[in-house]
Amino acid sequence: MVKSAAVSNMAHKAKKALSDAYANLYWRSKSANFVSVYEEDWDNLIILDACRYDIFEEEYLGPGQLQMKYSKAPYSPAFFQKNFAEKKCHDLVSITANPHHRLQLDDTQFHSVYHLWKTHWNDEIKNVHPEAVKQVSTTANASHPQKRLMIHFMQPHAPFIGPWGQENIGIHVGNEHCRQDAMHGSYDVEITDPYSLAAQGEVKRSELERAYRENLNIALESVRELLSLLDGRTVVTADHGELFGERAWPYVSKQYQHPPILAEKLLQIPWLVIPSETRRNVTTEEPDGPRDETDVHVEQRLKHLGYT
């Protein structure tokens, strides 16, 4: 029995090594389309978290030239590491609703960082609302006319904040665990999410996708308004995609959300270019520190709109 188990283990390792080798060869053939986001030509980079290319293509109605590219990573922490680790981006102001920015990168790598997951957190939706991202980005655009802007929305990533999604699926833990981890180095909430429910058969794929599309369109409403306000050449993209139960070779079981695997729907991202006749006169300066204090004007505006 011991010999049989050992042989079986060796066969499993050999099969996995062969699968990994084929996967590496496949993705190497795609390497020309992998995006190094910081090196690309843009004045403003708008990132939609966990946004699939195919669904973005179907839902986005607006100006620009859209193409499909490949992300370097299937999930946010690796996205930050592969695109920005050890880089000095002192020509760049980052406006981010994603707590992994703080967990993976140092604020001094950027000219300035607005951590909206800390200053504009919405307890009701357990996330940062896109309207808050839009408002702060508008302020940053005016405050930093000689810097590139990187604007990171958390939607269409769960939790599902639209009326249909909240009523039929629910918020669950949202991103509270990531936020606590970024603030305190640990979290004390149980992680529950709609994708786990889908894997258990409690949520249908059609329901998951409907709530996801609703999330995306809520974010796109703020994005469209931003496009008319930002100065210079703007690109709308994603850090990675999302899985709704696809089988991602060489894995046999259905895969959900964005596990750390190489899968088409995880690495395919939109790359929407909004050209501009004028460009920002970008300069590089020493960091001026994180923007962790709440913008009172923005908070009052959000309360008036009913978002906080």
Protein backbone atom coordinates (compact mmCIF):
# COMPACT_ATOMS: atom_id res chain seq x y z
CA MET A 1 0.00 0.00 0.00
CA VAL A 2 2.84 2.37 0.80
CA LYS A 3 4.45 1.70 -2.57
CA SER A 4 1.13 2.21 -4.35
CA ALA A 5 0.54 5.53 -2.60
CA ALA A 6 4.06 6.69 -3.45
CA VAL A 7 3.62 5.75 -7.10
CA SER A 8 0.26 7.52 -7.19
CA ASN A 9 1.82 10.65 -5.67
CA MET A 10 4.63 10.60 -8.23
CA ALA A 11 2.11 10.21 -11.06
CA HIS A 12 0.11 13.15 -9.71
CA LYS A 13 3.23 15.34 -9.54
CA ALA A 14 4.25 14.33 -13.06
CA LYS A 15 0.77 15.12 -14.41
CA LYS A 16 0.76 18.52 -12.67
CA ALA A 17 4.26 19.33 -13.98
CA LEU A 18 3.15 18.46 -17.51
CA SER A 19 0.00 20.58 -17.15
CA ASP A 20 2.02 23.51 -15.83
CA ALA A 21 4.50 23.17 -18.69
CA TYR A 22 1.70 23.28 -21.27
CA ALA A 23 0.09 26.23 -19.47
CA ASN A 24 3.38 28.15 -19.44
CA LEU A 25 3.89 27.52 -23.16
CA TYR A 26 0.34 28.66 -23.90
CA TRP A 27 0.62 31.88 -21.94
CA ARG A 28 4.07 32.59 -23.32
CA SER A 29 2.42 32.69 -26.77
CA LYS A 30 0.12 35.45 -25.43
CA SER A 31 2.95 37.51 -23.94
CA ALA A 32 2.87 40.19 -26.64
CA ASN A 33 -0.54 41.33 -25.36
CA PHE A 34 0.31 41.37 -21.64
CA VAL A 35 0.00 44.92 -20.34
CA SER A 36 2.65 46.73 -18.30
CA VAL A 37 0.21 49.40 -17.20
CA TYR A 38 2.65 51.99 -15.87
CA GLU A 39 4.67 52.00 -19.09
CA GLU A 40 1.62 52.46 -21.34
CA ASP A 41 0.68 55.81 -22.89
CA TRP A 42 -1.98 57.50 -20.74
CA ASP A 43 -2.57 60.55 -18.57
CA ASN A 44 -5.43 58.94 -16.64
CA LEU A 45 -5.84 55.22 -15.99
CA ILE A 46 -9.28 54.11 -14.74
CA ILE A 47 -9.25 50.59 -13.29
CA LEU A 48 -12.44 48.59 -12.84
CA ASP A 49 -11.75 45.81 -10.35
CA ALA A 50 -12.43 42.24 -11.56
CA CYS A 51 -13.93 43.42 -14.86
CA ARG A 52 -14.29 40.78 -17.59
CA TYR A 53 -13.53 41.90 -21.13
CA ASP A 54 -16.55 40.17 -22.70
CA ILE A 55 -19.07 41.71 -20.32
CA PHE A 56 -17.48 45.15 -20.50
CA GLU A 57 -17.72 44.98 -24.30
CA GLU A 58 -21.44 44.21 -24.05
CA GLU A 59 -22.30 46.79 -21.38
CA TYR A 60 -20.15 49.82 -22.27
CA LEU A 61 -21.85 52.35 -24.51
CA GLY A 62 -19.69 55.37 -25.12
CA PRO A 63 -16.72 56.85 -26.97
CA GLY A 64 -13.29 55.33 -27.36
CA GLN A 65 -11.35 52.57 -29.05
CA LEU A 66 -11.75 49.20 -27.31
CA GLN A 67 -9.44 46.21 -27.58
CA MET A 68 -8.75 43.13 -25.50
CA LYS A 69 -5.46 42.78 -23.69
CA TYR A 70 -4.09 40.42 -21.06
CA SER A 71 -3.40 41.32 -17.46
CA LYS A 72 -0.18 40.15 -15.87
CA ALA A 73 -2.11 38.75 -12.92
CA PRO A 74 -5.43 37.02 -12.13
CA TYR A 75 -5.99 38.81 -8.80
CA SER A 76 -5.30 42.22 -7.22
CA PRO A 77 -2.26 41.57 -4.98
CA ALA A 78 -0.32 40.05 -7.89
CA PHE A 79 -1.50 42.88 -10.18
CA PHE A 80 0.05 45.48 -7.88
CA GLN A 81 3.23 43.45 -7.44
CA LYS A 82 3.79 42.66 -11.12
CA ASN A 83 3.09 46.21 -12.30
CA PHE A 84 4.43 48.45 -9.55
CA ALA A 85 6.75 46.56 -7.18
CA GLU A 86 9.99 48.50 -6.57
CA LYS A 87 9.02 51.18 -9.11
CA LYS A 88 9.27 54.89 -8.34
CA CYS A 89 6.14 56.45 -9.82
CA HIS A 90 6.62 60.02 -8.63
CA ASP A 91 4.75 61.36 -11.66
CA LEU A 92 1.64 59.47 -10.56
CA VAL A 93 -1.21 60.17 -8.14
CA SER A 94 -3.16 57.07 -7.10
CA ILE A 95 -6.82 57.30 -6.09
CA THR A 96 -7.74 53.84 -4.87
CA ALA A 97 -10.71 52.08 -3.29
CA ASN A 98 -8.73 48.82 -3.13
CA PRO A 99 -7.12 48.03 0.27
CA HIS A 100 -4.56 45.74 -1.41
CA HIS A 101 -2.81 48.91 -2.60
CA ARG A 102 -1.70 49.55 0.99
CA LEU A 103 -0.94 45.85 1.61
CA GLN A 104 1.26 45.42 -1.47
CA LEU A 105 2.86 48.80 -2.15
CA ASP A 106 4.54 51.64 -0.32
CA ASP A 107 2.94 55.09 -0.51
CA THR A 108 6.35 56.65 -1.15
CA GLN A 109 6.45 54.91 -4.54
CA PHE A 110 3.86 57.46 -5.73
CA HIS A 111 3.67 61.24 -5.67
CA SER A 112 0.46 60.98 -3.66
CA VAL A 113 -2.07 58.31 -2.70
CA TYR A 114 -5.75 58.80 -1.82
CA HIS A 115 -6.81 55.73 0.19
CA LEU A 116 -10.58 55.82 -0.25
CA TRP A 117 -11.07 52.42 1.42
CA LYS A 118 -9.96 54.25 4.57
CA THR A 119 -11.58 57.68 4.17
CA HIS A 120 -14.76 56.96 2.20
CA TRP A 121 -15.83 53.54 3.40
CA ASN A 122 -19.59 52.89 3.23
CA ASP A 123 -20.73 50.56 6.03
CA GLU A 124 -24.05 49.82 4.33
CA ILE A 125 -22.51 48.36 1.17
CA LYS A 126 -19.27 47.29 2.90
CA ASN A 127 -17.26 48.93 0.15
CA VAL A 128 -16.49 52.31 -1.43
CA HIS A 129 -19.28 53.62 -3.65
CA PRO A 130 -18.27 54.61 -7.22
CA GLU A 131 -19.70 58.09 -6.65
CA ALA A 132 -17.08 58.66 -3.94
CA VAL A 133 -14.31 57.57 -6.31
CA LYS A 134 -15.61 59.94 -8.97
CA GLN A 135 -15.85 62.89 -6.57
CA VAL A 136 -12.34 62.48 -5.15
CA SER A 137 -10.88 61.85 -8.61
CA THR A 138 -12.42 65.10 -9.83
CA THR A 139 -10.76 66.93 -6.93
CA ALA A 140 -7.42 65.20 -7.58
CA ASN A 141 -7.62 66.10 -11.26
CA ALA A 142 -7.84 69.78 -10.36
CA SER A 143 -5.27 69.55 -7.54
CA HIS A 144 -2.59 67.72 -9.55
CA PRO A 145 -2.66 69.13 -13.10
CA GLN A 146 0.93 67.99 -13.76
CA LYS A 147 0.56 64.38 -12.62
CA ARG A 148 -0.80 61.21 -14.13
CA LEU A 149 -3.87 59.85 -12.33
CA MET A 150 -4.57 56.18 -11.57
CA ILE A 151 -8.19 55.76 -10.45
CA HIS A 152 -9.18 52.37 -9.03
CA PHE A 153 -12.89 51.56 -8.63
CA MET A 154 -13.78 48.42 -6.65
CA GLN A 155 -16.77 47.56 -8.84
CA PRO A 156 -17.82 45.29 -10.57
CA HIS A 157 -16.06 43.25 -7.86
CA ALA A 158 -18.46 41.94 -5.20
CA PRO A 159 -20.25 42.89 -2.99
CA PHE A 160 -23.16 43.56 -5.31
CA ILE A 161 -24.38 47.04 -4.43
CA GLY A 162 -27.22 47.46 -6.91
CA PRO A 163 -30.88 47.15 -5.82
CA TRP A 164 -31.41 43.79 -7.54
CA GLY A 165 -28.14 42.37 -6.23
CA GLN A 166 -28.75 43.48 -2.66
CA GLU A 167 -32.32 42.15 -2.63
CA ASN A 168 -31.64 38.78 -4.26
CA ILE A 169 -28.06 37.96 -3.25
CA GLY A 170 -27.08 40.29 -0.41
CA ILE A 171 -23.94 42.18 0.54
CA HIS A 172 -22.34 39.47 2.75
CA VAL A 173 -18.96 40.44 4.20
CA GLY A 174 -18.07 42.68 1.26
CA ASN A 175 -14.45 43.85 1.41
CA GLU A 176 -14.45 44.41 5.17
CA HIS A 177 -11.80 41.70 5.76
CA CYS A 178 -9.38 43.32 3.28
CA ARG A 179 -10.01 46.74 4.79
CA GLN A 180 -9.34 45.48 8.33
CA ASP A 181 -6.20 43.71 7.14
CA ALA A 182 -4.90 46.91 5.52
CA MET A 183 -5.64 48.97 8.63
CA HIS A 184 -4.66 46.54 11.41
CA GLY A 185 -2.71 43.67 9.85
CA SER A 186 -5.50 41.17 10.61
CA TYR A 187 -9.29 40.77 10.41
CA ASP A 188 -11.98 39.32 12.64
CA VAL A 189 -14.89 38.79 10.24
CA GLU A 190 -16.04 35.55 8.67
CA ILE A 191 -15.52 35.65 4.91
CA THR A 192 -18.76 34.94 3.07
CA ASP A 193 -19.37 35.87 -0.55
CA PRO A 194 -21.87 35.17 -3.34
CA TYR A 195 -19.32 33.15 -5.32
CA SER A 196 -19.02 30.62 -2.49
CA LEU A 197 -22.81 30.35 -2.50
CA ALA A 198 -22.74 29.79 -6.26
CA ALA A 199 -20.15 27.04 -5.87
CA GLN A 200 -22.48 25.37 -3.34
CA GLY A 201 -25.43 25.64 -5.72
CA GLU A 202 -27.31 28.24 -3.64
CA VAL A 203 -26.95 31.01 -6.25
CA LYS A 204 -27.49 30.43 -9.97
CA ARG A 205 -24.91 31.56 -12.50
CA SER A 206 -27.56 33.71 -14.20
CA GLU A 207 -28.23 35.48 -10.88
CA LEU A 208 -24.52 35.98 -10.27
CA GLU A 209 -24.02 37.47 -13.71
CA ARG A 210 -27.07 39.73 -13.44
CA ALA A 211 -25.84 41.23 -10.17
CA TYR A 212 -22.32 41.56 -11.60
CA ARG A 213 -23.60 43.44 -14.66
CA GLU A 214 -25.62 45.71 -12.37
CA ASN A 215 -22.45 46.46 -10.38
CA LEU A 216 -20.55 47.22 -13.57
CA ASN A 217 -23.19 49.64 -14.84
CA ILE A 218 -23.25 51.50 -11.52
CA ALA A 219 -19.50 51.98 -11.86
CA LEU A 220 -19.76 52.91 -15.54
CA GLU A 221 -22.20 55.70 -14.68
CA SER A 222 -19.46 57.36 -12.62
CA VAL A 223 -16.80 56.53 -15.21
CA ARG A 224 -18.76 58.21 -18.00
CA GLU A 225 -19.05 61.39 -15.93
CA LEU A 226 -15.32 61.27 -15.19
CA LEU A 227 -14.43 60.93 -18.87
CA SER A 228 -15.91 64.37 -19.54
CA LEU A 229 -14.05 65.94 -16.60
CA LEU A 230 -10.53 64.51 -16.79
CA ASP A 231 -7.72 66.29 -18.65
CA GLY A 232 -5.65 64.37 -21.19
CA ARG A 233 -5.61 60.87 -22.68
CA THR A 234 -7.64 58.37 -20.61
CA VAL A 235 -7.56 54.57 -20.61
CA VAL A 236 -10.27 52.42 -18.96
CA THR A 237 -9.14 48.92 -18.04
CA ALA A 238 -9.22 46.27 -15.28
CA ASP A 239 -6.71 44.69 -12.93
CA HIS A 240 -8.08 41.22 -13.79
CA GLY A 241 -11.27 39.44 -14.84
CA GLU A 242 -13.75 37.17 -13.08
CA LEU A 243 -15.01 33.56 -13.24
CA PHE A 244 -18.66 32.52 -12.99
CA GLY A 245 -18.13 28.76 -12.82
CA GLU A 246 -15.99 28.19 -15.92
CA ARG A 247 -13.69 25.17 -15.98
CA ALA A 248 -10.17 26.52 -16.24
CA TRP A 249 -7.78 23.91 -17.61
CA PRO A 250 -6.10 21.90 -16.09
CA TYR A 251 -8.59 22.16 -13.16
CA VAL A 252 -11.56 19.80 -13.35
CA SER A 253 -13.91 21.61 -10.95
CA LYS A 254 -15.77 24.81 -11.75
CA GLN A 255 -13.89 27.96 -10.74
CA TYR A 256 -15.39 31.12 -9.28
CA GLN A 257 -14.34 34.72 -8.65
CA HIS A 258 -10.59 35.20 -9.21
CA PRO A 259 -8.40 32.40 -7.80
CA PRO A 260 -4.62 32.53 -8.42
CA ILE A 261 -4.76 30.49 -11.64
CA LEU A 262 -4.07 31.20 -15.30
CA ALA A 263 -7.49 31.29 -16.96
CA GLU A 264 -8.68 33.13 -20.07
CA LYS A 265 -11.55 35.00 -18.42
CA LEU A 266 -9.29 36.05 -15.55
CA LEU A 267 -6.52 37.49 -17.68
CA GLN A 268 -8.58 38.97 -20.52
CA ILE A 269 -9.21 42.65 -19.72
CA PRO A 270 -10.66 45.65 -21.57
CA TRP A 271 -8.31 48.35 -22.84
CA LEU A 272 -10.47 51.33 -23.82
CA VAL A 273 -8.57 54.37 -25.09
CA ILE A 274 -10.26 57.79 -24.96
CA PRO A 275 -8.01 60.05 -27.05
CA SER A 276 -7.60 63.73 -26.32
CA GLU A 277 -6.38 66.68 -28.37
CA THR A 278 -4.57 67.97 -25.30
CA ARG A 279 -2.24 66.14 -22.93
CA ARG A 280 -1.26 66.72 -19.32
CA ASN A 281 2.15 68.36 -18.87
CA VAL A 282 3.41 65.65 -16.51
CA THR A 283 6.32 66.31 -14.14
CA THR A 284 8.06 64.14 -11.57
CA GLU A 285 8.28 65.40 -7.98
CA GLU A 286 9.03 63.97 -4.58
CA PRO A 287 6.10 62.28 -2.75
CA ASP A 288 3.83 64.56 -0.74
CA GLY A 289 2.41 61.77 1.42
CA PRO A 290 -0.85 59.77 1.64
CA ARG A 291 -4.20 61.54 1.64
CA ASP A 292 -5.82 59.67 4.54
CA GLU A 293 -7.84 62.58 5.90
CA THR A 294 -11.47 62.67 4.82
CA ASP A 295 -12.34 65.40 2.32
CA VAL A 296 -15.15 67.22 4.15
CA HIS A 297 -16.58 68.70 0.96
CA VAL A 298 -16.78 65.27 -0.70
CA GLU A 299 -18.36 63.70 2.38
CA GLN A 300 -21.03 66.40 2.52
CA ARG A 301 -21.72 65.96 -1.20
CA LEU A 302 -22.09 62.17 -0.79
CA LYS A 303 -24.45 62.59 2.16
CA HIS A 304 -26.55 64.96 0.11
CA LEU A 305 -26.73 62.33 -2.64
CA GLY A 306 -27.64 59.63 -0.14
CA TYR A 307 -24.48 57.52 -0.56
CA THR A 308 -23.20 57.77 3.03
